[in-house]
Amino acid sequence: MLFSLATQAFYDPNANYGANLPSDVLTVTADQYTQFYSAINDNKYIYKSGDDFLISDSRPDKYYAWDLATNTWVITEAMATKKQNDIAVALKQTASSEVTRSSTQISILSDKLELLDFSGAETSDSVTATLTLWKKYRIGCNSVVTGIAIELPVAPDA
């Protein structure tokens, strides 16, 4: 089996790739193939140090790239900024979903109070207390959506 360090891919030595075969392909043993295949699927990078093949630690996350000069995973300033922006966007999306979910709970609890329709051990006081928790939670989540807060509050049903 052939392996390219540049593409981190395997090539069948019996196939005709023409000009598409990377110039850095090296012959690897069946054991190396198995080891490298597993490593690549675990987001690791195969590289050489002298004559030895080495396998990196797993890629920390999708924002890291392999640095050929240092043989380490690195994150550029631009990718670190993108990561932080992606985290903020995901948090706001979660918060927005939680605003919707809490609004549903608030509507149900308000209906119970308005109609005096309690079940089990529920009482007017217990439903009012739960309603207040959900309203505070919705306000907290909305603060994340609007950018006032940067952390989701704990949901009343958590």
Protein backbone atom coordinates (compact mmCIF):
# COMPACT_ATOMS: atom_id res chain seq x y z
CA MET A 1 0.00 0.00 0.00
CA LEU A 2 1.14 3.54 -0.70
CA PHE A 3 0.65 6.47 1.66
CA SER A 4 1.00 10.21 1.09
CA LEU A 5 2.00 12.38 4.01
CA ALA A 6 0.79 15.47 2.15
CA THR A 7 -2.73 14.18 1.52
CA GLN A 8 -2.90 11.82 4.51
CA ALA A 9 -4.37 9.27 2.13
CA PHE A 10 -3.70 5.76 0.89
CA TYR A 11 -3.17 4.70 -2.71
CA ASP A 12 -3.39 1.29 -4.27
CA PRO A 13 -0.02 0.48 -5.87
CA ASN A 14 -1.80 -1.42 -8.65
CA ALA A 15 -3.99 1.49 -9.70
CA ASN A 16 -3.04 3.93 -12.42
CA TYR A 17 -3.37 7.45 -10.99
CA GLY A 18 -1.36 9.08 -13.74
CA ALA A 19 -0.41 12.64 -12.80
CA ASN A 20 -2.83 12.54 -9.84
CA LEU A 21 -0.59 10.35 -7.69
CA PRO A 22 1.07 12.60 -5.09
CA SER A 23 4.80 12.87 -5.49
CA ASP A 24 5.45 12.05 -1.84
CA VAL A 25 3.86 8.58 -1.70
CA LEU A 26 5.73 6.03 0.37
CA THR A 27 5.30 2.29 0.64
CA VAL A 28 3.80 1.19 3.94
CA THR A 29 3.43 -2.27 5.41
CA ALA A 30 0.09 -3.93 6.12
CA ASP A 31 0.58 -3.24 9.83
CA GLN A 32 1.38 0.41 9.16
CA TYR A 33 -1.66 0.65 6.91
CA THR A 34 -3.89 -0.67 9.71
CA GLN A 35 -2.28 1.61 12.29
CA PHE A 36 -2.39 4.71 10.07
CA TYR A 37 -5.95 4.04 8.93
CA SER A 38 -7.10 3.86 12.54
CA ALA A 39 -5.10 6.96 13.48
CA ILE A 40 -6.49 9.05 10.63
CA ASN A 41 -10.03 8.04 11.59
CA ASP A 42 -9.22 9.22 15.13
CA ASN A 43 -8.28 12.68 13.76
CA LYS A 44 -4.58 12.08 14.17
CA TYR A 45 -1.84 13.12 11.76
CA ILE A 46 0.85 10.83 10.34
CA TYR A 47 4.25 12.43 9.92
CA LYS A 48 7.91 11.49 9.66
CA SER A 49 10.82 12.29 11.88
CA GLY A 50 13.94 11.13 10.15
CA ASP A 51 13.12 7.65 8.84
CA ASP A 52 10.40 6.99 11.42
CA PHE A 53 6.67 7.40 10.96
CA LEU A 54 5.02 9.07 13.94
CA ILE A 55 1.38 9.59 14.86
CA SER A 56 0.18 12.79 16.47
CA ASP A 57 -2.30 13.18 19.29
CA SER A 58 -5.87 13.65 18.13
CA ARG A 59 -6.77 16.96 16.56
CA PRO A 60 -8.17 19.10 19.42
CA ASP A 61 -11.11 20.29 17.31
CA LYS A 62 -11.99 21.37 13.80
CA TYR A 63 -10.37 24.78 14.26
CA TYR A 64 -6.85 23.36 14.54
CA ALA A 65 -4.56 22.67 11.57
CA TRP A 66 -1.41 20.63 11.33
CA ASP A 67 1.77 22.71 11.27
CA LEU A 68 4.35 20.95 9.11
CA ALA A 69 7.19 23.07 10.51
CA THR A 70 6.60 22.12 14.15
CA ASN A 71 4.69 18.84 13.70
CA THR A 72 2.01 20.01 16.09
CA TRP A 73 -1.62 21.02 15.98
CA VAL A 74 -1.94 24.81 15.96
CA ILE A 75 -4.80 27.25 15.98
CA THR A 76 -4.35 30.55 14.20
CA GLU A 77 -5.66 33.78 15.63
CA ALA A 78 -8.28 33.88 12.87
CA MET A 79 -9.46 30.36 13.67
CA ALA A 80 -9.49 31.07 17.41
CA THR A 81 -11.72 34.06 16.70
CA LYS A 82 -13.94 31.93 14.46
CA LYS A 83 -14.18 29.31 17.20
CA GLN A 84 -15.25 31.91 19.75
CA ASN A 85 -17.79 33.35 17.30
CA ASP A 86 -19.17 29.89 16.54
CA ILE A 87 -19.50 29.17 20.26
CA ALA A 88 -21.34 32.47 20.76
CA VAL A 89 -23.69 31.76 17.85
CA ALA A 90 -24.44 28.26 19.13
CA LEU A 91 -25.10 29.63 22.62
CA LYS A 92 -27.51 32.23 21.23
CA GLN A 93 -29.29 29.55 19.18
CA THR A 94 -29.66 27.37 22.26
CA ALA A 95 -30.86 30.35 24.28
CA SER A 96 -33.42 31.22 21.60
CA SER A 97 -34.74 27.65 21.63
CA GLU A 98 -34.94 27.81 25.41
CA VAL A 99 -36.92 31.07 25.23
CA THR A 100 -39.45 29.25 23.04
CA ARG A 101 -39.50 26.21 25.33
CA SER A 102 -39.95 28.34 28.44
CA SER A 103 -42.74 30.32 26.75
CA THR A 104 -44.59 27.05 26.19
CA GLN A 105 -44.16 26.10 29.85
CA ILE A 106 -45.29 29.56 30.96
CA SER A 107 -48.42 29.32 28.79
CA ILE A 108 -49.31 25.92 30.23
CA LEU A 109 -48.75 27.04 33.81
CA SER A 110 -50.71 30.27 33.23
CA ASP A 111 -53.60 28.23 31.83
CA LYS A 112 -53.55 25.98 34.90
CA LEU A 113 -53.76 29.01 37.18
CA GLU A 114 -56.43 30.75 35.12
CA LEU A 115 -58.60 27.62 34.92
CA LEU A 116 -57.67 26.29 38.38
CA ASP A 117 -56.85 23.03 36.65
CA PHE A 118 -54.24 21.30 38.83
CA SER A 119 -53.16 17.69 38.72
CA GLY A 120 -51.70 15.43 41.38
CA ALA A 121 -50.05 17.34 44.19
CA GLU A 122 -50.16 20.68 42.34
CA THR A 123 -51.63 23.63 44.15
CA SER A 124 -52.15 27.24 43.18
CA ASP A 125 -49.06 28.16 45.22
CA SER A 126 -46.85 25.45 43.71
CA VAL A 127 -47.91 26.30 40.14
CA THR A 128 -47.37 30.03 40.83
CA ALA A 129 -43.88 29.29 42.17
CA THR A 130 -43.05 27.15 39.15
CA LEU A 131 -44.45 29.83 36.82
CA THR A 132 -42.17 32.40 38.44
CA LEU A 133 -39.13 30.14 37.95
CA TRP A 134 -39.94 29.68 34.26
CA LYS A 135 -40.44 33.42 33.76
CA LYS A 136 -37.07 34.17 35.39
CA TYR A 137 -35.49 31.47 33.25
CA ARG A 138 -37.01 32.94 30.08
CA ILE A 139 -35.68 36.40 31.02
CA GLY A 140 -32.23 34.90 31.62
CA CYS A 141 -32.25 33.08 28.29
CA ASN A 142 -33.44 36.19 26.49
CA SER A 143 -30.52 38.09 28.03
CA VAL A 144 -28.20 35.62 26.27
CA VAL A 145 -30.08 36.07 22.97
CA THR A 146 -29.72 39.85 23.19
CA GLY A 147 -26.06 39.65 24.20
CA ILE A 148 -26.50 41.03 27.71
CA ALA A 149 -25.46 37.72 29.31
CA ILE A 150 -22.95 35.12 28.14
CA GLU A 151 -24.11 32.12 30.13
CA LEU A 152 -27.38 30.22 30.11
CA PRO A 153 -29.20 30.01 33.42
CA VAL A 154 -30.14 26.62 34.85
CA ALA A 155 -33.54 25.48 33.60
CA PRO A 156 -36.23 24.91 36.22
CA ASP A 157 -36.64 21.32 35.02
CA ALA A 158 -32.92 20.54 34.99
